[in-house]
C-alpha atoms as a PDB file:
ATOM      1  CA  MET A   1      13.715  11.195 -25.502  1.00  0.00           C
ATOM      2  CA  LYS A   2      12.766  14.656 -24.056  1.00  0.00           C
ATOM      3  CA  ASP A   3      15.585  17.168 -23.391  1.00  0.00           C
ATOM      4  CA  SER A   4      14.194  18.133 -19.987  1.00  0.00           C
ATOM      5  CA  LEU A   5      11.513  16.559 -17.736  1.00  0.00           C
ATOM      6  CA  ASN A   6       8.826  18.778 -16.118  1.00  0.00           C
ATOM      7  CA  ILE A   7       8.459  17.676 -12.232  1.00  0.00           C
ATOM      8  CA  VAL A   8       5.990  18.190  -9.523  1.00  0.00           C
ATOM      9  CA  ILE A   9       6.905  17.161  -5.920  1.00  0.00           C
ATOM     10  CA  VAL A  10       4.015  16.590  -3.518  1.00  0.00           C
ATOM     11  CA  GLY A  11       4.989  16.438   0.006  1.00  0.00           C
ATOM     12  CA  ALA A  12       7.771  19.016  -0.629  1.00  0.00           C
ATOM     13  CA  THR A  13       8.134  20.231   3.037  1.00  0.00           C
ATOM     14  CA  GLY A  14       9.027  16.900   4.646  1.00  0.00           C
ATOM     15  CA  TYR A  15      12.510  15.565   5.004  1.00  0.00           C
ATOM     16  CA  ILE A  16      12.405  13.459   1.985  1.00  0.00           C
ATOM     17  CA  GLY A  17      10.640  16.203  -0.061  1.00  0.00           C
ATOM     18  CA  LEU A  18      13.392  18.636   0.741  1.00  0.00           C
ATOM     19  CA  GLU A  19      16.155  16.108  -0.211  1.00  0.00           C
ATOM     20  CA  LEU A  20      14.328  15.623  -3.624  1.00  0.00           C
ATOM     21  CA  ILE A  21      14.347  19.383  -4.183  1.00  0.00           C
ATOM     22  CA  LYS A  22      18.039  19.463  -3.555  1.00  0.00           C
ATOM     23  CA  ILE A  23      18.816  16.742  -5.893  1.00  0.00           C
ATOM     24  CA  LEU A  24      16.357  17.655  -8.490  1.00  0.00           C
ATOM     25  CA  SER A  25      17.201  21.399  -8.616  1.00  0.00           C
ATOM     26  CA  ARG A  26      20.683  20.472  -9.687  1.00  0.00           C
ATOM     27  CA  HIS A  27      19.692  17.792 -12.121  1.00  0.00           C
ATOM     28  CA  PRO A  28      20.652  19.029 -15.631  1.00  0.00           C
ATOM     29  CA  ARG A  29      17.549  17.518 -17.411  1.00  0.00           C
ATOM     30  CA  VAL A  30      14.843  18.431 -15.052  1.00  0.00           C
ATOM     31  CA  LYS A  31      12.719  21.390 -14.292  1.00  0.00           C
ATOM     32  CA  ILE A  32      10.641  21.641 -11.206  1.00  0.00           C
ATOM     33  CA  LEU A  33       7.260  23.095 -12.130  1.00  0.00           C
ATOM     34  CA  TYR A  34       5.264  22.775  -8.828  1.00  0.00           C
ATOM     35  CA  LEU A  35       6.314  22.291  -5.102  1.00  0.00           C
ATOM     36  CA  CYS A  36       3.083  21.142  -3.322  1.00  0.00           C
ATOM     37  CA  ALA A  37       2.167  20.589   0.307  1.00  0.00           C
ATOM     38  CA  THR A  38      -1.109  21.104   2.415  1.00  0.00           C
ATOM     39  CA  LYS A  39       0.164  23.846   4.479  1.00  0.00           C
ATOM     40  CA  SER A  40       2.439  26.991   4.163  1.00  0.00           C
ATOM     41  CA  ILE A  41       0.870  27.700   0.740  1.00  0.00           C
ATOM     42  CA  GLY A  42       2.761  30.649  -0.905  1.00  0.00           C
ATOM     43  CA  LYS A  43       5.868  30.305   1.153  1.00  0.00           C
ATOM     44  CA  ASN A  44       9.320  29.932  -0.472  1.00  0.00           C
ATOM     45  CA  ILE A  45      10.872  26.506   0.026  1.00  0.00           C
ATOM     46  CA  CYS A  46      13.982  27.949   1.429  1.00  0.00           C
ATOM     47  CA  TYR A  47      11.855  28.751   4.574  1.00  0.00           C
ATOM     48  CA  PHE A  48      12.071  25.046   5.428  1.00  0.00           C
ATOM     49  CA  ASP A  49      15.761  24.496   4.475  1.00  0.00           C
ATOM     50  CA  LYS A  50      18.187  27.400   4.125  1.00  0.00           C
ATOM     51  CA  LYS A  51      20.484  25.078   2.069  1.00  0.00           C
ATOM     52  CA  ILE A  52      18.140  25.433  -0.841  1.00  0.00           C
ATOM     53  CA  ARG A  53      18.872  28.652  -2.459  1.00  0.00           C
ATOM     54  CA  LYS A  54      17.853  28.265  -6.200  1.00  0.00           C
ATOM     55  CA  LYS A  55      15.964  31.331  -6.923  1.00  0.00           C
ATOM     56  CA  ASN A  56      13.797  30.134  -9.708  1.00  0.00           C
ATOM     57  CA  LEU A  57      11.963  27.242  -7.583  1.00  0.00           C
ATOM     58  CA  PRO A  58       8.135  27.780  -7.440  1.00  0.00           C
ATOM     59  CA  THR A  59       6.535  28.825  -4.164  1.00  0.00           C
ATOM     60  CA  ILE A  60       4.446  26.177  -2.309  1.00  0.00           C
ATOM     61  CA  SER A  61       1.103  25.572  -3.720  1.00  0.00           C
ATOM     62  CA  LYS A  62      -1.889  22.992  -3.318  1.00  0.00           C
ATOM     63  CA  VAL A  63      -1.733  19.864  -5.422  1.00  0.00           C
ATOM     64  CA  GLU A  64      -5.253  21.159  -6.894  1.00  0.00           C
ATOM     65  CA  LYS A  65      -3.470  23.877  -8.713  1.00  0.00           C
ATOM     66  CA  VAL A  66      -1.283  21.572 -10.816  1.00  0.00           C
ATOM     67  CA  ASP A  67      -1.728  21.649 -14.629  1.00  0.00           C
ATOM     68  CA  TRP A  68      -1.052  17.927 -15.167  1.00  0.00           C
ATOM     69  CA  SER A  69      -0.888  18.534 -19.006  1.00  0.00           C
ATOM     70  CA  LYS A  70       2.461  19.982 -18.351  1.00  0.00           C
ATOM     71  CA  ILE A  71       3.810  17.254 -16.018  1.00  0.00           C
ATOM     72  CA  ASP A  72       6.040  14.300 -16.932  1.00  0.00           C
ATOM     73  CA  VAL A  73       6.890  12.884 -13.646  1.00  0.00           C
ATOM     74  CA  LEU A  74       5.032  13.211 -10.297  1.00  0.00           C
ATOM     75  CA  PHE A  75       6.983  12.341  -7.020  1.00  0.00           C
ATOM     76  CA  THR A  76       4.896  11.817  -4.017  1.00  0.00           C
ATOM     77  CA  ALA A  77       6.586  11.920  -0.631  1.00  0.00           C
ATOM     78  CA  LEU A  78       3.431  11.639   1.432  1.00  0.00           C
ATOM     79  CA  PRO A  79       2.104   9.730   4.376  1.00  0.00           C
ATOM     80  CA  ASN A  80       0.936   6.245   3.523  1.00  0.00           C
ATOM     81  CA  GLY A  81      -2.740   6.313   2.030  1.00  0.00           C
ATOM     82  CA  GLU A  82      -2.346   9.607   0.027  1.00  0.00           C
ATOM     83  CA  ALA A  83      -0.447   8.745  -3.264  1.00  0.00           C
ATOM     84  CA  HIS A  84      -3.114   6.105  -4.214  1.00  0.00           C
ATOM     85  CA  LYS A  85      -5.654   8.816  -4.226  1.00  0.00           C
ATOM     86  CA  ILE A  86      -3.603  11.393  -6.280  1.00  0.00           C
ATOM     87  CA  VAL A  87      -2.601   8.852  -9.037  1.00  0.00           C
ATOM     88  CA  LYS A  88      -6.195   8.675 -10.038  1.00  0.00           C
ATOM     89  CA  LYS A  89      -5.980  12.410 -11.161  1.00  0.00           C
ATOM     90  CA  ILE A  90      -2.849  12.159 -13.398  1.00  0.00           C
ATOM     91  CA  PRO A  91      -2.793  11.583 -17.232  1.00  0.00           C
ATOM     92  CA  GLU A  92      -1.771   8.085 -18.405  1.00  0.00           C
ATOM     93  CA  ASP A  93       1.534   9.301 -19.648  1.00  0.00           C
ATOM     94  CA  THR A  94       2.644  10.940 -16.454  1.00  0.00           C
ATOM     95  CA  LYS A  95       4.676   8.693 -14.394  1.00  0.00           C
ATOM     96  CA  LEU A  96       4.267   8.401 -10.553  1.00  0.00           C
ATOM     97  CA  ILE A  97       7.400   7.885  -8.403  1.00  0.00           C
ATOM     98  CA  ASP A  98       6.044   7.288  -5.000  1.00  0.00           C
ATOM     99  CA  LEU A  99       8.187   7.118  -1.841  1.00  0.00           C
ATOM    100  CA  SER A 100       5.281   5.732   0.563  1.00  0.00           C
ATOM    101  CA  ALA A 101       4.072   2.265   1.058  1.00  0.00           C
ATOM    102  CA  ASP A 102       1.132   2.628  -1.266  1.00  0.00           C
ATOM    103  CA  PHE A 103       2.365   0.423  -4.093  1.00  0.00           C
ATOM    104  CA  ARG A 104       5.120  -1.475  -2.387  1.00  0.00           C
ATOM    105  CA  LEU A 105       2.777  -4.567  -1.666  1.00  0.00           C
ATOM    106  CA  ASP A 106       1.359  -6.904  -4.556  1.00  0.00           C
ATOM    107  CA  ASP A 107      -1.943  -7.647  -2.672  1.00  0.00           C
ATOM    108  CA  PHE A 108      -4.282  -4.854  -1.479  1.00  0.00           C
ATOM    109  CA  LYS A 109      -5.523  -7.247   1.204  1.00  0.00           C
ATOM    110  CA  VAL A 110      -1.902  -7.483   2.619  1.00  0.00           C
ATOM    111  CA  TYR A 111      -1.609  -3.679   2.421  1.00  0.00           C
ATOM    112  CA  LYS A 112      -4.826  -3.170   4.496  1.00  0.00           C
ATOM    113  CA  LYS A 113      -3.585  -5.696   7.041  1.00  0.00           C
ATOM    114  CA  TRP A 114      -0.311  -3.908   7.662  1.00  0.00           C
ATOM    115  CA  TYR A 115      -1.361  -0.457   7.183  1.00  0.00           C
ATOM    116  CA  GLY A 116      -4.893  -0.402   8.190  1.00  0.00           C
ATOM    117  CA  ILE A 117      -6.025   1.488   5.081  1.00  0.00           C
ATOM    118  CA  GLU A 118      -8.398   0.510   2.152  1.00  0.00           C
ATOM    119  CA  HIS A 119      -6.541   0.788  -1.058  1.00  0.00           C
ATOM    120  CA  ASN A 120      -8.168   3.293  -3.439  1.00  0.00           C
ATOM    121  CA  SER A 121      -6.307   2.278  -6.688  1.00  0.00           C
ATOM    122  CA  LYS A 122      -6.504  -1.517  -6.609  1.00  0.00           C
ATOM    123  CA  ASN A 123      -6.553  -1.502 -10.486  1.00  0.00           C
ATOM    124  CA  LEU A 124      -3.391   0.303 -10.722  1.00  0.00           C
ATOM    125  CA  MET A 125      -1.373  -1.982  -8.546  1.00  0.00           C
ATOM    126  CA  LYS A 126      -0.734  -4.185 -11.684  1.00  0.00           C
ATOM    127  CA  LYS A 127       0.878  -1.064 -13.392  1.00  0.00           C
ATOM    128  CA  SER A 128       3.463  -0.521 -10.637  1.00  0.00           C
ATOM    129  CA  ILE A 129       6.843  -1.890  -9.955  1.00  0.00           C
ATOM    130  CA  TYR A 130       8.597  -2.353  -6.810  1.00  0.00           C
ATOM    131  CA  ALA A 131      11.864  -0.831  -7.616  1.00  0.00           C
ATOM    132  CA  ILE A 132      15.246  -1.133  -6.036  1.00  0.00           C
ATOM    133  CA  THR A 133      17.113   0.195  -8.917  1.00  0.00           C
ATOM    134  CA  GLU A 134      20.000  -2.307  -8.825  1.00  0.00           C
ATOM    135  CA  PHE A 135      17.409  -5.187  -9.608  1.00  0.00           C
ATOM    136  CA  SER A 136      14.933  -3.262 -11.874  1.00  0.00           C
ATOM    137  CA  LYS A 137      16.909  -1.673 -14.548  1.00  0.00           C
ATOM    138  CA  ASP A 138      15.607  -3.641 -17.380  1.00  0.00           C
ATOM    139  CA  LYS A 139      12.085  -3.432 -16.481  1.00  0.00           C
ATOM    140  CA  ILE A 140      11.408   0.002 -14.807  1.00  0.00           C
ATOM    141  CA  LYS A 141      10.700   1.941 -18.039  1.00  0.00           C
ATOM    142  CA  ASN A 142       7.727  -0.077 -18.698  1.00  0.00           C
ATOM    143  CA  PHE A 143       5.674   0.807 -15.710  1.00  0.00           C
ATOM    144  CA  LYS A 144       3.607   3.980 -15.021  1.00  0.00           C
ATOM    145  CA  ILE A 145       3.922   3.662 -11.212  1.00  0.00           C
ATOM    146  CA  ILE A 146       7.420   3.295  -9.714  1.00  0.00           C
ATOM    147  CA  SER A 147       7.346   2.336  -6.018  1.00  0.00           C
ATOM    148  CA  CYS A 148      10.323   3.076  -4.104  1.00  0.00           C
ATOM    149  CA  PRO A 149      11.228   0.768  -1.278  1.00  0.00           C
ATOM    150  CA  GLY A 150      11.369   1.641   2.304  1.00  0.00           C
ATOM    151  CA  CYS A 151      14.759   2.749   3.785  1.00  0.00           C
ATOM    152  CA  TYR A 152      15.347  -0.260   5.968  1.00  0.00           C
ATOM    153  CA  PRO A 153      14.256  -2.756   3.047  1.00  0.00           C
ATOM    154  CA  THR A 154      16.719  -0.985   0.749  1.00  0.00           C
ATOM    155  CA  SER A 155      19.619  -1.566   2.913  1.00  0.00           C
ATOM    156  CA  ILE A 156      18.764  -5.135   3.569  1.00  0.00           C
ATOM    157  CA  GLN A 157      17.674  -6.375   0.166  1.00  0.00           C
ATOM    158  CA  ILE A 158      20.832  -5.087  -1.690  1.00  0.00           C
ATOM    159  CA  PRO A 159      23.094  -7.610  -0.044  1.00  0.00           C
ATOM    160  CA  LEU A 160      20.558 -10.271   0.458  1.00  0.00           C
ATOM    161  CA  ILE A 161      18.590 -10.679  -2.813  1.00  0.00           C
ATOM    162  CA  PRO A 162      21.643 -11.942  -4.803  1.00  0.00           C
ATOM    163  CA  ILE A 163      22.775 -14.556  -2.327  1.00  0.00           C
ATOM    164  CA  ILE A 164      19.168 -15.730  -1.722  1.00  0.00           C
ATOM    165  CA  LYS A 165      18.675 -16.143  -5.461  1.00  0.00           C
ATOM    166  CA  LYS A 166      21.838 -18.146  -5.746  1.00  0.00           C
ATOM    167  CA  LYS A 167      20.781 -20.324  -2.680  1.00  0.00           C
ATOM    168  CA  LEU A 168      23.959 -19.433  -0.646  1.00  0.00           C
ATOM    169  CA  ILE A 169      22.081 -19.043   2.635  1.00  0.00           C
ATOM    170  CA  ASN A 170      19.404 -20.815   4.841  1.00  0.00           C
ATOM    171  CA  THR A 171      16.416 -18.564   4.347  1.00  0.00           C
ATOM    172  CA  LYS A 172      14.875 -19.977   7.441  1.00  0.00           C
ATOM    173  CA  ASN A 173      17.356 -18.241   9.641  1.00  0.00           C
ATOM    174  CA  ILE A 174      17.657 -14.611   8.759  1.00  0.00           C
ATOM    175  CA  ILE A 175      18.037 -12.340  11.624  1.00  0.00           C
ATOM    176  CA  ILE A 176      18.340  -8.466  11.084  1.00  0.00           C
ATOM    177  CA  ASP A 177      19.075  -5.658  13.558  1.00  0.00           C
ATOM    178  CA  SER A 178      18.674  -2.051  12.113  1.00  0.00           C
ATOM    179  CA  LYS A 179      19.466   1.329  13.379  1.00  0.00           C
ATOM    180  CA  SER A 180      18.303   4.541  11.925  1.00  0.00           C
ATOM    181  CA  GLY A 181      18.689   8.182  12.701  1.00  0.00           C
ATOM    182  CA  TYR A 182      15.428   9.724  13.694  1.00  0.00           C
ATOM    183  CA  SER A 183      14.764  11.497  10.430  1.00  0.00           C
ATOM    184  CA  GLY A 184      13.535   8.193   9.266  1.00  0.00           C
ATOM    185  CA  ALA A 185      10.409   8.673  11.517  1.00  0.00           C
ATOM    186  CA  GLY A 186       9.457  12.074   9.764  1.00  0.00           C
ATOM    187  CA  LYS A 187       9.027  15.497  11.328  1.00  0.00           C
ATOM    188  CA  ASN A 188       6.270  14.167  13.694  1.00  0.00           C
ATOM    189  CA  ILE A 189       8.528  11.945  15.502  1.00  0.00           C
ATOM    190  CA  LYS A 190       7.491  13.272  18.983  1.00  0.00           C
ATOM    191  CA  LYS A 191       3.919  12.230  18.241  1.00  0.00           C
ATOM    192  CA  LYS A 192       4.810   8.944  17.011  1.00  0.00           C
ATOM    193  CA  PHE A 193       7.209   7.929  19.730  1.00  0.00           C
ATOM    194  CA  LYS A 194       6.776   8.423  23.451  1.00  0.00           C
ATOM    195  CA  PHE A 195      10.108   7.076  24.489  1.00  0.00           C
ATOM    196  CA  LYS A 196      11.732   8.766  27.453  1.00  0.00           C
ATOM    197  CA  ASN A 197      14.746  10.902  26.416  1.00  0.00           C
ATOM    198  CA  LEU A 198      14.162  10.130  22.763  1.00  0.00           C
ATOM    199  CA  PHE A 199      17.079  12.203  21.340  1.00  0.00           C
ATOM    200  CA  ASN A 200      19.509  10.759  23.991  1.00  0.00           C
ATOM    201  CA  SER A 201      18.879   7.046  23.854  1.00  0.00           C
ATOM    202  CA  VAL A 202      18.649   4.071  21.691  1.00  0.00           C
ATOM    203  CA  SER A 203      15.032   2.914  21.272  1.00  0.00           C
ATOM    204  CA  ALA A 204      13.821  -0.434  19.797  1.00  0.00           C
ATOM    205  CA  TYR A 205      10.404  -0.360  18.122  1.00  0.00           C
ATOM    206  CA  GLY A 206       8.000  -2.283  16.079  1.00  0.00           C
ATOM    207  CA  VAL A 207       9.632  -5.273  17.610  1.00  0.00           C
ATOM    208  CA  GLY A 208       8.771  -8.415  15.479  1.00  0.00           C
ATOM    209  CA  TYR A 209       5.951  -6.635  13.664  1.00  0.00           C
ATOM    210  CA  HIS A 210       7.303  -3.650  11.923  1.00  0.00           C
ATOM    211  CA  ARG A 211       5.482  -2.776   8.795  1.00  0.00           C
ATOM    212  CA  HIS A 212       8.596  -3.037   6.563  1.00  0.00           C
ATOM    213  CA  VAL A 213       8.689  -6.704   7.400  1.00  0.00           C
ATOM    214  CA  ALA A 214       5.712  -7.188   4.884  1.00  0.00           C
ATOM    215  CA  GLU A 215       7.752  -5.927   1.856  1.00  0.00           C
ATOM    216  CA  ILE A 216      11.158  -7.505   2.961  1.00  0.00           C
ATOM    217  CA  ASP A 217       9.248 -10.929   3.175  1.00  0.00           C
ATOM    218  CA  GLN A 218       7.373 -10.338  -0.036  1.00  0.00           C
ATOM    219  CA  GLU A 219      10.502  -9.682  -2.191  1.00  0.00           C
ATOM    220  CA  LEU A 220      12.866 -12.347  -0.488  1.00  0.00           C
ATOM    221  CA  SER A 221      10.146 -14.829  -1.086  1.00  0.00           C
ATOM    222  CA  LYS A 222       9.844 -13.990  -4.694  1.00  0.00           C
ATOM    223  CA  VAL A 223      13.552 -14.632  -5.444  1.00  0.00           C
ATOM    224  CA  SER A 224      13.852 -17.748  -2.920  1.00  0.00           C
ATOM    225  CA  LYS A 225      10.622 -19.125  -4.655  1.00  0.00           C
ATOM    226  CA  ARG A 226       9.501 -20.242  -1.307  1.00  0.00           C
ATOM    227  CA  GLU A 227       8.231 -18.318   1.855  1.00  0.00           C
ATOM    228  CA  VAL A 228      10.729 -16.371   3.641  1.00  0.00           C
ATOM    229  CA  ARG A 229      10.000 -14.710   6.931  1.00  0.00           C
ATOM    230  CA  VAL A 230      12.769 -12.835   8.477  1.00  0.00           C
ATOM    231  CA  LEU A 231      13.218 -11.608  12.071  1.00  0.00           C
ATOM    232  CA  PHE A 232      13.712  -7.901  12.008  1.00  0.00           C
ATOM    233  CA  THR A 233      14.154  -5.432  14.734  1.00  0.00           C
ATOM    234  CA  PRO A 234      14.579  -1.613  14.106  1.00  0.00           C
ATOM    235  CA  HIS A 235      15.980   0.901  16.368  1.00  0.00           C
ATOM    236  CA  LEU A 236      16.143   4.794  16.608  1.00  0.00           C
ATOM    237  CA  ILE A 237      19.498   6.076  17.524  1.00  0.00           C
ATOM    238  CA  PRO A 238      20.192   9.581  18.585  1.00  0.00           C
ATOM    239  CA  MET A 239      21.463  10.995  15.368  1.00  0.00           C
ATOM    240  CA  PHE A 240      19.593  12.741  12.386  1.00  0.00           C
ATOM    241  CA  ARG A 241      20.328  10.497   9.389  1.00  0.00           C
ATOM    242  CA  GLY A 242      21.764   7.133   8.356  1.00  0.00           C
ATOM    243  CA  ILE A 243      20.997   3.383   8.550  1.00  0.00           C
ATOM    244  CA  LEU A 244      23.102   0.621   9.648  1.00  0.00           C
ATOM    245  CA  SER A 245      21.621  -2.890   9.186  1.00  0.00           C
ATOM    246  CA  THR A 246      23.490  -5.840  10.719  1.00  0.00           C
ATOM    247  CA  ILE A 247      22.368  -9.139   9.144  1.00  0.00           C
ATOM    248  CA  TYR A 248      23.009 -12.488  10.733  1.00  0.00           C
ATOM    249  CA  LEU A 249      23.029 -15.411   8.364  1.00  0.00           C
ATOM    250  CA  GLU A 250      23.783 -19.131   8.174  1.00  0.00           C
ATOM    251  CA  THR A 251      25.256 -20.357   5.006  1.00  0.00           C
ATOM    252  CA  ASN A 252      24.437 -23.547   2.976  1.00  0.00           C
ATOM    253  CA  GLY A 253      26.919 -26.413   2.765  1.00  0.00           C
ATOM    254  CA  LYS A 254      30.484 -25.383   2.428  1.00  0.00           C
ATOM    255  CA  ILE A 255      29.927 -21.761   1.589  1.00  0.00           C
ATOM    256  CA  ASN A 256      31.827 -19.458   3.778  1.00  0.00           C
ATOM    257  CA  ALA A 257      31.987 -15.558   4.496  1.00  0.00           C
ATOM    258  CA  LYS A 258      34.720 -15.223   1.743  1.00  0.00           C
ATOM    259  CA  ASN A 259      32.755 -17.027  -0.921  1.00  0.00           C
ATOM    260  CA  ILE A 260      29.832 -14.704  -0.081  1.00  0.00           C
ATOM    261  CA  TYR A 261      32.072 -11.614  -0.298  1.00  0.00           C
ATOM    262  CA  LYS A 262      33.588 -12.527  -3.568  1.00  0.00           C
ATOM    263  CA  PHE A 263      30.063 -13.356  -5.078  1.00  0.00           C
ATOM    264  CA  LEU A 264      28.471 -10.178  -3.898  1.00  0.00           C
ATOM    265  CA  LYS A 265      31.330  -8.103  -5.165  1.00  0.00           C
ATOM    266  CA  LYS A 266      31.018  -9.558  -8.594  1.00  0.00           C
ATOM    267  CA  TYR A 267      27.206  -9.590  -8.747  1.00  0.00           C
ATOM    268  CA  HIS A 268      27.252  -5.724  -7.877  1.00  0.00           C
ATOM    269  CA  GLN A 269      30.401  -4.810  -9.906  1.00  0.00           C
ATOM    270  CA  SER A 270      28.258  -2.846 -12.629  1.00  0.00           C
ATOM    271  CA  ASN A 271      26.026  -1.157 -10.058  1.00  0.00           C
ATOM    272  CA  TYR A 272      27.488   2.394  -9.529  1.00  0.00           C
ATOM    273  CA  PHE A 273      26.197   3.013  -6.185  1.00  0.00           C
ATOM    274  CA  VAL A 274      27.067  -0.329  -4.393  1.00  0.00           C
ATOM    275  CA  ARG A 275      30.373  -0.227  -2.690  1.00  0.00           C
ATOM    276  CA  PHE A 276      32.213  -2.793  -0.536  1.00  0.00           C
ATOM    277  CA  ALA A 277      34.467  -2.504   2.337  1.00  0.00           C
ATOM    278  CA  LYS A 278      37.510  -4.988   2.637  1.00  0.00           C
ATOM    279  CA  PHE A 279      36.640  -8.321   3.821  1.00  0.00           C
ATOM    280  CA  ASN A 280      36.052  -8.488   7.605  1.00  0.00           C
ATOM    281  CA  SER A 281      36.028  -4.747   8.017  1.00  0.00           C
ATOM    282  CA  PRO A 282      33.766  -2.723  10.028  1.00  0.00           C
ATOM    283  CA  ILE A 283      31.803   0.128   8.421  1.00  0.00           C
ATOM    284  CA  SER A 284      29.668   3.023   9.565  1.00  0.00           C
ATOM    285  CA  THR A 285      26.907   5.288   8.400  1.00  0.00           C
ATOM    286  CA  GLY A 286      29.499   8.121   8.306  1.00  0.00           C
ATOM    287  CA  ASP A 287      30.976   6.215   5.280  1.00  0.00           C
ATOM    288  CA  VAL A 288      27.805   7.006   3.220  1.00  0.00           C
ATOM    289  CA  ILE A 289      26.059  10.134   4.672  1.00  0.00           C
ATOM    290  CA  ASN A 290      24.834  12.594   2.124  1.00  0.00           C
ATOM    291  CA  THR A 291      25.403  10.155  -0.631  1.00  0.00           C
ATOM    292  CA  ASN A 292      23.475   7.591  -2.763  1.00  0.00           C
ATOM    293  CA  HIS A 293      25.696   4.780  -2.053  1.00  0.00           C
ATOM    294  CA  CYS A 294      25.003   1.527   0.000  1.00  0.00           C
ATOM    295  CA  LYS A 295      28.176   0.203   1.485  1.00  0.00           C
ATOM    296  CA  ILE A 296      28.434  -3.399   2.339  1.00  0.00           C
ATOM    297  CA  SER A 297      30.814  -5.349   4.599  1.00  0.00           C
ATOM    298  CA  VAL A 298      30.859  -9.140   4.884  1.00  0.00           C
ATOM    299  CA  CYS A 299      32.356 -10.606   7.988  1.00  0.00           C
ATOM    300  CA  GLU A 300      33.298 -14.075   9.361  1.00  0.00           C
ATOM    301  CA  THR A 301      32.261 -15.288  12.842  1.00  0.00           C
ATOM    302  CA  ARG A 302      33.763 -17.650  15.424  1.00  0.00           C
ATOM    303  CA  LYS A 303      30.808 -20.066  14.404  1.00  0.00           C
ATOM    304  CA  LYS A 304      31.010 -22.334  11.435  1.00  0.00           C
ATOM    305  CA  ASN A 305      28.626 -21.564   8.679  1.00  0.00           C
ATOM    306  CA  ASN A 306      27.649 -18.291  10.307  1.00  0.00           C
ATOM    307  CA  ILE A 307      28.377 -14.871   8.810  1.00  0.00           C
ATOM    308  CA  ILE A 308      27.441 -11.258   9.377  1.00  0.00           C
ATOM    309  CA  ILE A 309      26.696  -8.814   6.569  1.00  0.00           C
ATOM    310  CA  ILE A 310      26.675  -5.051   7.449  1.00  0.00           C
ATOM    311  CA  SER A 311      25.020  -2.571   5.246  1.00  0.00           C
ATOM    312  CA  ALA A 312      25.127   1.235   5.553  1.00  0.00           C
ATOM    313  CA  ILE A 313      23.056   3.806   3.623  1.00  0.00           C
ATOM    314  CA  ASP A 314      21.780   7.323   4.082  1.00  0.00           C
ATOM    315  CA  ASN A 315      17.952   6.827   4.753  1.00  0.00           C
ATOM    316  CA  LEU A 316      17.088  10.247   3.207  1.00  0.00           C
ATOM    317  CA  ILE A 317      18.998   9.593   0.055  1.00  0.00           C
ATOM    318  CA  LYS A 318      19.686   6.034  -0.989  1.00  0.00           C
ATOM    319  CA  GLY A 319      16.794   5.089   1.405  1.00  0.00           C
ATOM    320  CA  GLY A 320      14.496   7.730  -0.239  1.00  0.00           C
ATOM    321  CA  SER A 321      15.076  10.714  -2.607  1.00  0.00           C
ATOM    322  CA  GLY A 322      18.359   9.458  -4.147  1.00  0.00           C
ATOM    323  CA  GLN A 323      16.876   6.018  -5.039  1.00  0.00           C
ATOM    324  CA  ALA A 324      13.714   7.788  -6.446  1.00  0.00           C
ATOM    325  CA  VAL A 325      15.817   9.902  -8.723  1.00  0.00           C
ATOM    326  CA  GLN A 326      18.063   6.951  -9.645  1.00  0.00           C
ATOM    327  CA  ASN A 327      14.731   5.227 -10.762  1.00  0.00           C
ATOM    328  CA  MET A 328      13.690   8.197 -12.713  1.00  0.00           C
ATOM    329  CA  ASN A 329      17.100   8.326 -14.556  1.00  0.00           C
ATOM    330  CA  ILE A 330      16.667   4.695 -15.607  1.00  0.00           C
ATOM    331  CA  ALA A 331      13.118   4.958 -16.622  1.00  0.00           C
ATOM    332  CA  TYR A 332      13.960   7.807 -19.026  1.00  0.00           C
ATOM    333  CA  GLY A 333      16.929   6.278 -20.637  1.00  0.00           C
ATOM    334  CA  MET A 334      19.604   8.593 -18.551  1.00  0.00           C
ATOM    335  CA  LYS A 335      22.785   7.527 -16.748  1.00  0.00           C
ATOM    336  CA  GLU A 336      21.680   6.226 -13.237  1.00  0.00           C
ATOM    337  CA  ASN A 337      24.147   8.708 -11.526  1.00  0.00           C
ATOM    338  CA  LEU A 338      22.947  11.935 -13.311  1.00  0.00           C
ATOM    339  CA  GLY A 339      22.533  14.534 -10.778  1.00  0.00           C
ATOM    340  CA  LEU A 340      23.480  12.319  -8.014  1.00  0.00           C
ATOM    341  CA  SER A 341      27.279  12.227  -8.122  1.00  0.00           C
END
């Protein structure tokens, strides 16, 4: 095992890229050799975020300038459709940790359906793993391409996958209401959304057909061993960061909310970054902001066999950069919380 990993971050000036730099610049076993973007070539990264003050960080360069023979890990924090082009250029022994949707879906036809892009690296899709760290620890080191899940799907799957696998809920009746800070839409939010008073109101979008539904359905169907199709509605709320997902479920048989709570706590007891509120307790994004934690609350309802699970994460960390570093740590045999505590 190498003492230090040489890193390149492509898409360094976006919200996720900047968070990656903050985390990796304090990681004891990482050296950032390149920071790449398509614009602002030659600028210091602290121009984009004054909190990044480390003096020995490289200036921004084009990805074409990277000497791949020196690189162990490539992080891509790019728009969908870019990582599957770059991966062709990197050596076989360089890992790609991708934060876009390019390797989240198993089938390139499904990818094209949801993202409208022809996949350029179909032959590499089998060399990738969809990696929520908590469910991938024993497999992740075997893959060249580590695909980090979307922010909403991370908040949703950490509580749902264990109870679906155990057949504790009715998979035909899963309703998810998620709310995210506007950083989840990236820096071009005003171009993407034309809502009136965008920064002073709550806005539903992608109703019934949000792209993240594809990966949520795919992964939940795998553990259920039958088709799962969730109802999912995301919302933008007038704050910068954080996700709160409220999940409405129907339990099977005599299973109640307390059973679900005890089971989930036991299942996740060895997962460092999964935390639980007391049974029947409300939670907020404020509980997890600027951390790599996922906090979960399980609550009863007044209807028999109906429960509510609430899940909170920081979309830029556990839903992005933090989970990417957590995946890197596991892939290289390090403690999963190294550089993240």
